[in-house]
Each structure stands twice: as C-alpha cells, then as structure tokens.
Amino acid sequence: MQVSMLKSKIHRAVITQAELNYVGSVTIDEDLMDAAGLFEYEKVHIVNVNSGSRIETYVIAGDRGSGVICLNGAAARSGQKGDHVIIMAYASMTPDEVKAHRPRVVFVSDKNKIVQVSDYEKHGELR
C-alpha cells in the first residue's frame, strides 16, 4: 500500500506575476525549489490564501534569487500579483516510510526570500 503524504511546502509566498498567455505551470525561483526539495515539472497544489482557490499544476524553474512566483496559463486565473499562496508537493510512501517522514516547510518574506526552513514534527509542530 502507498499513502500520499505532504512532502514539502512553500508557506505564504507572494505571487509576483500572472501570465495568462503562457503554456500552463507555476514558475518558482530555483532557490525556493531547492529549499523545498521541488523538482522541475513536479506536480504541486497551490492554495491562494486571499481567494481560497486551489489548483494543481507543475513547476517550472525560475531565475535563482529572483523571488519569482508566476502563475502561467490557466493557473493565472486563480491568483493575482500580491496574493499570498501556499505551494505544496506530495509523495507516495509506504506506511513504514511514513513513520520516519517529516515534511519540509519553507517560510518566506514578502519578497519571497527564505526566512526559515523547518521540518514538521508530530501534530504539525515545527522543529
């Protein structure tokens, strides 16, 4: 049996762009991708804190250090520049793998610069 678990998330990033006329995806600063353990073309869920919208798409690497969070294609309809979003990735694991797993959480500033990288402990507490 495999269980879908939260692998990592970028918490309260700020949308810097929304490009409707682009082949779909979300462009994420490569520094943020590395901190969260995200891979280019990996599936992610994006929750818009401002509007409550929830979408799934895939990641495109953005310029390192740019702070870019850009919703592309149809995803651009689910948020606008300045909105806060939570970007989450999941992984399939066996029940034994789940016991040792701790999701990685990347906290960012309003300029999408890394403030803190933590792991979740039991019951959502950070370590």
N, C-alpha and C. Protein backbone atom coordinates (compact mmCIF):
# COMPACT_ATOMS: atom_id res chain seq x y z
N MET A 1 0.84 -1.18 0.00
CA MET A 1 0.00 0.00 0.00
C MET A 1 0.89 1.24 0.00
N GLN A 2 0.46 2.26 -0.73
CA GLN A 2 1.13 3.56 -0.76
C GLN A 2 0.16 4.60 -0.20
N VAL A 3 0.70 5.55 0.53
CA VAL A 3 -0.07 6.63 1.12
C VAL A 3 0.48 7.95 0.57
N SER A 4 -0.39 8.86 0.21
CA SER A 4 0.05 10.17 -0.29
C SER A 4 0.25 11.11 0.90
N MET A 5 1.49 11.58 1.07
CA MET A 5 1.86 12.41 2.22
C MET A 5 2.42 13.76 1.76
N LEU A 6 2.26 14.77 2.59
CA LEU A 6 2.87 16.06 2.31
C LEU A 6 4.38 15.88 2.32
N LYS A 7 5.03 16.23 1.22
CA LYS A 7 6.48 16.15 1.10
C LYS A 7 7.12 17.45 1.54
N SER A 8 6.59 18.56 1.01
CA SER A 8 7.15 19.87 1.33
C SER A 8 6.16 20.96 0.95
N LYS A 9 6.43 22.16 1.49
CA LYS A 9 5.61 23.30 1.09
C LYS A 9 6.40 24.59 1.23
N ILE A 10 6.02 25.54 0.39
CA ILE A 10 6.50 26.91 0.49
C ILE A 10 5.32 27.69 1.06
N HIS A 11 5.50 28.24 2.25
CA HIS A 11 4.39 28.81 3.01
C HIS A 11 4.28 30.32 2.81
N ARG A 12 3.13 30.74 2.31
CA ARG A 12 2.77 32.16 2.14
C ARG A 12 3.72 32.93 1.23
N ALA A 13 4.05 32.31 0.10
CA ALA A 13 4.80 33.03 -0.94
C ALA A 13 3.87 34.07 -1.55
N VAL A 14 4.46 35.06 -2.18
CA VAL A 14 3.69 36.13 -2.81
C VAL A 14 3.77 36.00 -4.32
N ILE A 15 2.62 35.99 -4.98
CA ILE A 15 2.59 35.94 -6.44
C ILE A 15 3.22 37.22 -6.97
N THR A 16 4.23 37.05 -7.84
CA THR A 16 4.90 38.21 -8.43
C THR A 16 4.40 38.51 -9.84
N GLN A 17 3.82 37.50 -10.50
CA GLN A 17 3.33 37.66 -11.87
C GLN A 17 2.21 36.66 -12.12
N ALA A 18 1.39 36.96 -13.10
CA ALA A 18 0.39 36.03 -13.63
C ALA A 18 0.37 36.23 -15.14
N GLU A 19 0.78 35.19 -15.87
CA GLU A 19 0.93 35.27 -17.34
C GLU A 19 -0.08 34.34 -18.00
N LEU A 20 -1.23 34.89 -18.39
CA LEU A 20 -2.29 34.09 -18.99
C LEU A 20 -1.86 33.46 -20.31
N ASN A 21 -1.15 34.20 -21.14
CA ASN A 21 -0.77 33.70 -22.47
C ASN A 21 0.56 32.95 -22.44
N TYR A 22 0.58 31.87 -21.66
CA TYR A 22 1.77 31.04 -21.50
C TYR A 22 1.28 29.62 -21.33
N VAL A 23 2.05 28.67 -21.79
CA VAL A 23 1.68 27.27 -21.59
C VAL A 23 1.77 26.99 -20.09
N GLY A 24 0.69 26.44 -19.51
CA GLY A 24 0.48 26.31 -18.08
C GLY A 24 1.64 25.94 -17.19
N SER A 25 1.54 26.23 -15.90
CA SER A 25 2.50 25.86 -14.88
C SER A 25 2.63 26.97 -13.85
N VAL A 26 3.56 26.80 -12.92
CA VAL A 26 3.94 27.86 -11.99
C VAL A 26 5.45 27.97 -12.05
N THR A 27 5.95 29.17 -12.26
CA THR A 27 7.39 29.41 -12.26
C THR A 27 7.79 29.78 -10.83
N ILE A 28 8.80 29.07 -10.31
CA ILE A 28 9.26 29.27 -8.93
C ILE A 28 10.76 29.51 -8.94
N ASP A 29 11.21 30.52 -8.21
CA ASP A 29 12.63 30.80 -8.00
C ASP A 29 13.35 29.49 -7.65
N GLU A 30 14.43 29.20 -8.34
CA GLU A 30 15.15 27.95 -8.13
C GLU A 30 15.70 27.81 -6.71
N ASP A 31 16.01 28.90 -6.05
CA ASP A 31 16.45 28.83 -4.64
C ASP A 31 15.32 28.28 -3.77
N LEU A 32 14.10 28.71 -4.03
CA LEU A 32 12.95 28.21 -3.27
C LEU A 32 12.68 26.74 -3.60
N MET A 33 12.83 26.38 -4.87
CA MET A 33 12.67 24.98 -5.27
C MET A 33 13.65 24.09 -4.50
N ASP A 34 14.92 24.50 -4.47
CA ASP A 34 15.94 23.71 -3.78
C ASP A 34 15.61 23.58 -2.29
N ALA A 35 15.23 24.69 -1.66
CA ALA A 35 14.93 24.67 -0.23
C ALA A 35 13.76 23.74 0.09
N ALA A 36 12.78 23.69 -0.82
CA ALA A 36 11.60 22.85 -0.61
C ALA A 36 11.78 21.43 -1.15
N GLY A 37 12.88 21.19 -1.85
CA GLY A 37 13.08 19.87 -2.45
C GLY A 37 12.16 19.61 -3.63
N LEU A 38 11.82 20.66 -4.36
CA LEU A 38 10.95 20.53 -5.54
C LEU A 38 11.79 20.32 -6.80
N PHE A 39 11.26 19.55 -7.72
CA PHE A 39 11.91 19.29 -9.00
C PHE A 39 11.14 19.98 -10.12
N GLU A 40 11.87 20.38 -11.16
CA GLU A 40 11.19 20.94 -12.31
C GLU A 40 10.24 19.90 -12.89
N TYR A 41 9.05 20.32 -13.23
CA TYR A 41 7.94 19.51 -13.77
C TYR A 41 7.24 18.66 -12.71
N GLU A 42 7.59 18.85 -11.45
CA GLU A 42 6.89 18.13 -10.37
C GLU A 42 5.50 18.73 -10.17
N LYS A 43 4.52 17.86 -9.89
CA LYS A 43 3.16 18.30 -9.63
C LYS A 43 3.08 18.97 -8.26
N VAL A 44 2.39 20.10 -8.20
CA VAL A 44 2.17 20.81 -6.95
C VAL A 44 0.73 21.27 -6.85
N HIS A 45 0.29 21.45 -5.63
CA HIS A 45 -1.00 22.09 -5.35
C HIS A 45 -0.71 23.50 -4.87
N ILE A 46 -1.52 24.44 -5.32
CA ILE A 46 -1.36 25.83 -4.91
C ILE A 46 -2.68 26.30 -4.30
N VAL A 47 -2.59 26.78 -3.07
CA VAL A 47 -3.74 27.31 -2.36
C VAL A 47 -3.56 28.82 -2.25
N ASN A 48 -4.52 29.56 -2.75
CA ASN A 48 -4.47 31.02 -2.68
C ASN A 48 -5.10 31.45 -1.36
N VAL A 49 -4.28 32.01 -0.47
CA VAL A 49 -4.76 32.44 0.85
C VAL A 49 -5.78 33.56 0.72
N ASN A 50 -5.62 34.44 -0.27
CA ASN A 50 -6.52 35.58 -0.43
C ASN A 50 -7.89 35.18 -0.95
N SER A 51 -7.94 34.27 -1.94
CA SER A 51 -9.22 33.94 -2.58
C SER A 51 -9.78 32.58 -2.18
N GLY A 52 -8.92 31.71 -1.63
CA GLY A 52 -9.37 30.37 -1.29
C GLY A 52 -9.31 29.39 -2.45
N SER A 53 -8.89 29.84 -3.63
CA SER A 53 -8.82 28.93 -4.78
C SER A 53 -7.72 27.88 -4.55
N ARG A 54 -7.95 26.71 -5.12
CA ARG A 54 -6.98 25.61 -5.02
C ARG A 54 -6.82 25.03 -6.42
N ILE A 55 -5.56 24.95 -6.87
CA ILE A 55 -5.29 24.38 -8.19
C ILE A 55 -4.14 23.39 -8.08
N GLU A 56 -4.01 22.58 -9.11
CA GLU A 56 -2.80 21.77 -9.22
C GLU A 56 -2.20 22.02 -10.59
N THR A 57 -0.88 22.05 -10.62
CA THR A 57 -0.13 22.32 -11.83
C THR A 57 1.25 21.71 -11.65
N TYR A 58 2.21 22.16 -12.45
CA TYR A 58 3.57 21.64 -12.32
C TYR A 58 4.55 22.80 -12.27
N VAL A 59 5.76 22.52 -11.78
CA VAL A 59 6.76 23.54 -11.52
C VAL A 59 7.68 23.76 -12.72
N ILE A 60 7.96 25.01 -13.01
CA ILE A 60 8.99 25.42 -13.96
C ILE A 60 10.02 26.22 -13.16
N ALA A 61 11.30 25.95 -13.36
CA ALA A 61 12.36 26.66 -12.63
C ALA A 61 12.46 28.10 -13.10
N GLY A 62 12.45 29.02 -12.13
CA GLY A 62 12.65 30.44 -12.40
C GLY A 62 14.06 30.85 -12.04
N ASP A 63 14.43 32.04 -12.42
CA ASP A 63 15.78 32.53 -12.15
C ASP A 63 16.10 32.48 -10.67
N ARG A 64 17.27 31.93 -10.36
CA ARG A 64 17.74 31.79 -9.00
C ARG A 64 17.89 33.17 -8.35
N GLY A 65 17.33 33.32 -7.15
CA GLY A 65 17.43 34.57 -6.41
C GLY A 65 16.45 35.65 -6.84
N SER A 66 15.61 35.35 -7.82
CA SER A 66 14.67 36.36 -8.35
C SER A 66 13.44 36.56 -7.48
N GLY A 67 13.10 35.56 -6.67
CA GLY A 67 11.87 35.62 -5.88
C GLY A 67 10.61 35.38 -6.68
N VAL A 68 10.76 34.95 -7.94
CA VAL A 68 9.60 34.81 -8.82
C VAL A 68 8.68 33.68 -8.36
N ILE A 69 7.40 34.01 -8.33
CA ILE A 69 6.29 33.06 -8.21
C ILE A 69 5.29 33.54 -9.26
N CYS A 70 5.27 32.86 -10.41
CA CYS A 70 4.45 33.30 -11.53
C CYS A 70 3.46 32.22 -11.92
N LEU A 71 2.19 32.54 -11.86
CA LEU A 71 1.14 31.63 -12.34
C LEU A 71 1.04 31.77 -13.84
N ASN A 72 1.14 30.66 -14.55
CA ASN A 72 1.16 30.67 -16.02
C ASN A 72 -0.07 29.98 -16.60
N GLY A 73 -0.47 30.41 -17.78
CA GLY A 73 -1.60 29.78 -18.48
C GLY A 73 -2.88 29.90 -17.67
N ALA A 74 -3.67 28.84 -17.68
CA ALA A 74 -4.96 28.86 -16.97
C ALA A 74 -4.79 29.13 -15.48
N ALA A 75 -3.65 28.74 -14.91
CA ALA A 75 -3.38 28.99 -13.49
C ALA A 75 -3.41 30.49 -13.17
N ALA A 76 -3.12 31.32 -14.17
CA ALA A 76 -3.10 32.77 -13.96
C ALA A 76 -4.48 33.30 -13.56
N ARG A 77 -5.52 32.55 -13.84
CA ARG A 77 -6.88 32.97 -13.46
C ARG A 77 -7.16 32.73 -11.97
N SER A 78 -6.28 32.02 -11.28
CA SER A 78 -6.55 31.66 -9.89
C SER A 78 -5.82 32.54 -8.88
N GLY A 79 -5.16 33.57 -9.35
CA GLY A 79 -4.48 34.48 -8.42
C GLY A 79 -3.95 35.69 -9.15
N GLN A 80 -3.64 36.71 -8.39
CA GLN A 80 -3.09 37.92 -8.99
C GLN A 80 -1.88 38.39 -8.21
N LYS A 81 -1.11 39.23 -8.84
CA LYS A 81 0.10 39.77 -8.23
C LYS A 81 -0.23 40.30 -6.84
N GLY A 82 0.58 39.89 -5.86
CA GLY A 82 0.39 40.33 -4.48
C GLY A 82 -0.35 39.34 -3.60
N ASP A 83 -1.07 38.39 -4.19
CA ASP A 83 -1.75 37.37 -3.40
C ASP A 83 -0.73 36.46 -2.71
N HIS A 84 -1.08 35.99 -1.52
CA HIS A 84 -0.26 35.01 -0.81
C HIS A 84 -0.75 33.60 -1.18
N VAL A 85 0.20 32.71 -1.42
CA VAL A 85 -0.13 31.32 -1.77
C VAL A 85 0.70 30.36 -0.93
N ILE A 86 0.18 29.15 -0.79
CA ILE A 86 0.91 28.04 -0.19
C ILE A 86 1.07 27.01 -1.30
N ILE A 87 2.32 26.64 -1.57
CA ILE A 87 2.63 25.70 -2.64
C ILE A 87 3.05 24.38 -1.99
N MET A 88 2.32 23.30 -2.28
CA MET A 88 2.55 22.02 -1.61
C MET A 88 2.82 20.90 -2.60
N ALA A 89 3.77 20.04 -2.24
CA ALA A 89 4.07 18.85 -3.03
C ALA A 89 3.86 17.63 -2.13
N TYR A 90 3.46 16.54 -2.76
CA TYR A 90 3.17 15.32 -2.03
C TYR A 90 4.03 14.18 -2.57
N ALA A 91 4.19 13.13 -1.77
CA ALA A 91 4.95 11.96 -2.19
C ALA A 91 4.21 10.70 -1.75
N SER A 92 4.32 9.65 -2.56
CA SER A 92 3.74 8.36 -2.21
C SER A 92 4.75 7.60 -1.37
N MET A 93 4.28 7.05 -0.24
CA MET A 93 5.16 6.35 0.69
C MET A 93 4.47 5.11 1.22
N THR A 94 5.29 4.18 1.64
CA THR A 94 4.76 3.03 2.35
C THR A 94 4.47 3.43 3.79
N PRO A 95 3.63 2.69 4.50
CA PRO A 95 3.39 3.02 5.91
C PRO A 95 4.68 3.06 6.74
N ASP A 96 5.64 2.21 6.42
CA ASP A 96 6.92 2.25 7.15
C ASP A 96 7.69 3.53 6.86
N GLU A 97 7.67 4.01 5.62
CA GLU A 97 8.34 5.26 5.27
C GLU A 97 7.68 6.45 5.97
N VAL A 98 6.36 6.39 6.12
CA VAL A 98 5.61 7.47 6.76
C VAL A 98 6.10 7.70 8.19
N LYS A 99 6.44 6.63 8.88
CA LYS A 99 6.85 6.74 10.29
C LYS A 99 8.06 7.65 10.47
N ALA A 100 8.98 7.66 9.52
CA ALA A 100 10.20 8.47 9.64
C ALA A 100 10.12 9.80 8.89
N HIS A 101 9.07 9.98 8.11
CA HIS A 101 8.98 11.16 7.25
C HIS A 101 8.61 12.41 8.03
N ARG A 102 9.28 13.52 7.70
CA ARG A 102 8.95 14.84 8.23
C ARG A 102 8.89 15.82 7.06
N PRO A 103 7.73 16.38 6.77
CA PRO A 103 7.63 17.34 5.67
C PRO A 103 8.52 18.56 5.90
N ARG A 104 9.07 19.09 4.82
CA ARG A 104 9.91 20.29 4.87
C ARG A 104 9.02 21.50 4.61
N VAL A 105 9.20 22.55 5.41
CA VAL A 105 8.42 23.78 5.29
C VAL A 105 9.38 24.94 5.07
N VAL A 106 9.16 25.69 3.99
CA VAL A 106 9.98 26.85 3.67
C VAL A 106 9.13 28.10 3.93
N PHE A 107 9.58 28.91 4.86
CA PHE A 107 8.92 30.18 5.16
C PHE A 107 9.66 31.27 4.40
N VAL A 108 8.89 32.18 3.82
CA VAL A 108 9.50 33.24 3.01
C VAL A 108 9.01 34.61 3.47
N SER A 109 9.79 35.63 3.10
CA SER A 109 9.41 37.02 3.37
C SER A 109 8.42 37.48 2.30
N ASP A 110 7.98 38.71 2.41
CA ASP A 110 7.08 39.28 1.39
C ASP A 110 7.78 39.48 0.05
N LYS A 111 9.09 39.33 0.02
CA LYS A 111 9.87 39.41 -1.23
C LYS A 111 10.27 38.01 -1.70
N ASN A 112 9.66 36.97 -1.10
CA ASN A 112 9.92 35.56 -1.43
C ASN A 112 11.38 35.17 -1.20
N LYS A 113 11.98 35.76 -0.18
CA LYS A 113 13.33 35.35 0.24
C LYS A 113 13.17 34.39 1.41
N ILE A 114 14.01 33.37 1.47
CA ILE A 114 13.91 32.35 2.50
C ILE A 114 14.20 32.96 3.87
N VAL A 115 13.27 32.77 4.80
CA VAL A 115 13.41 33.23 6.17
C VAL A 115 13.81 32.06 7.06
N GLN A 116 13.19 30.90 6.82
CA GLN A 116 13.43 29.72 7.67
C GLN A 116 13.03 28.47 6.90
N VAL A 117 13.79 27.41 7.10
CA VAL A 117 13.44 26.10 6.57
C VAL A 117 13.35 25.16 7.77
N SER A 118 12.19 24.52 7.94
CA SER A 118 11.95 23.66 9.09
C SER A 118 11.37 22.34 8.63
N ASP A 119 11.31 21.41 9.55
CA ASP A 119 10.61 20.14 9.34
C ASP A 119 9.45 20.09 10.31
N TYR A 120 8.36 19.45 9.89
CA TYR A 120 7.25 19.23 10.81
C TYR A 120 7.58 18.07 11.73
N GLU A 121 7.19 18.19 12.96
CA GLU A 121 7.22 17.11 13.92
C GLU A 121 5.80 16.57 14.00
N LYS A 122 5.53 15.72 14.95
CA LYS A 122 4.17 15.22 15.14
C LYS A 122 3.21 16.37 15.40
N HIS A 123 2.00 16.22 14.95
CA HIS A 123 0.90 17.16 15.17
C HIS A 123 1.18 18.56 14.61
N GLY A 124 2.01 18.64 13.57
CA GLY A 124 2.23 19.90 12.88
C GLY A 124 3.13 20.88 13.57
N GLU A 125 3.81 20.46 14.66
CA GLU A 125 4.76 21.35 15.31
C GLU A 125 6.04 21.40 14.50
N LEU A 126 6.70 22.56 14.53
CA LEU A 126 7.95 22.72 13.77
C LEU A 126 9.14 22.38 14.63
N ARG A 127 10.18 21.87 13.96
CA ARG A 127 11.45 21.69 14.69
C ARG A 127 12.52 22.43 13.97
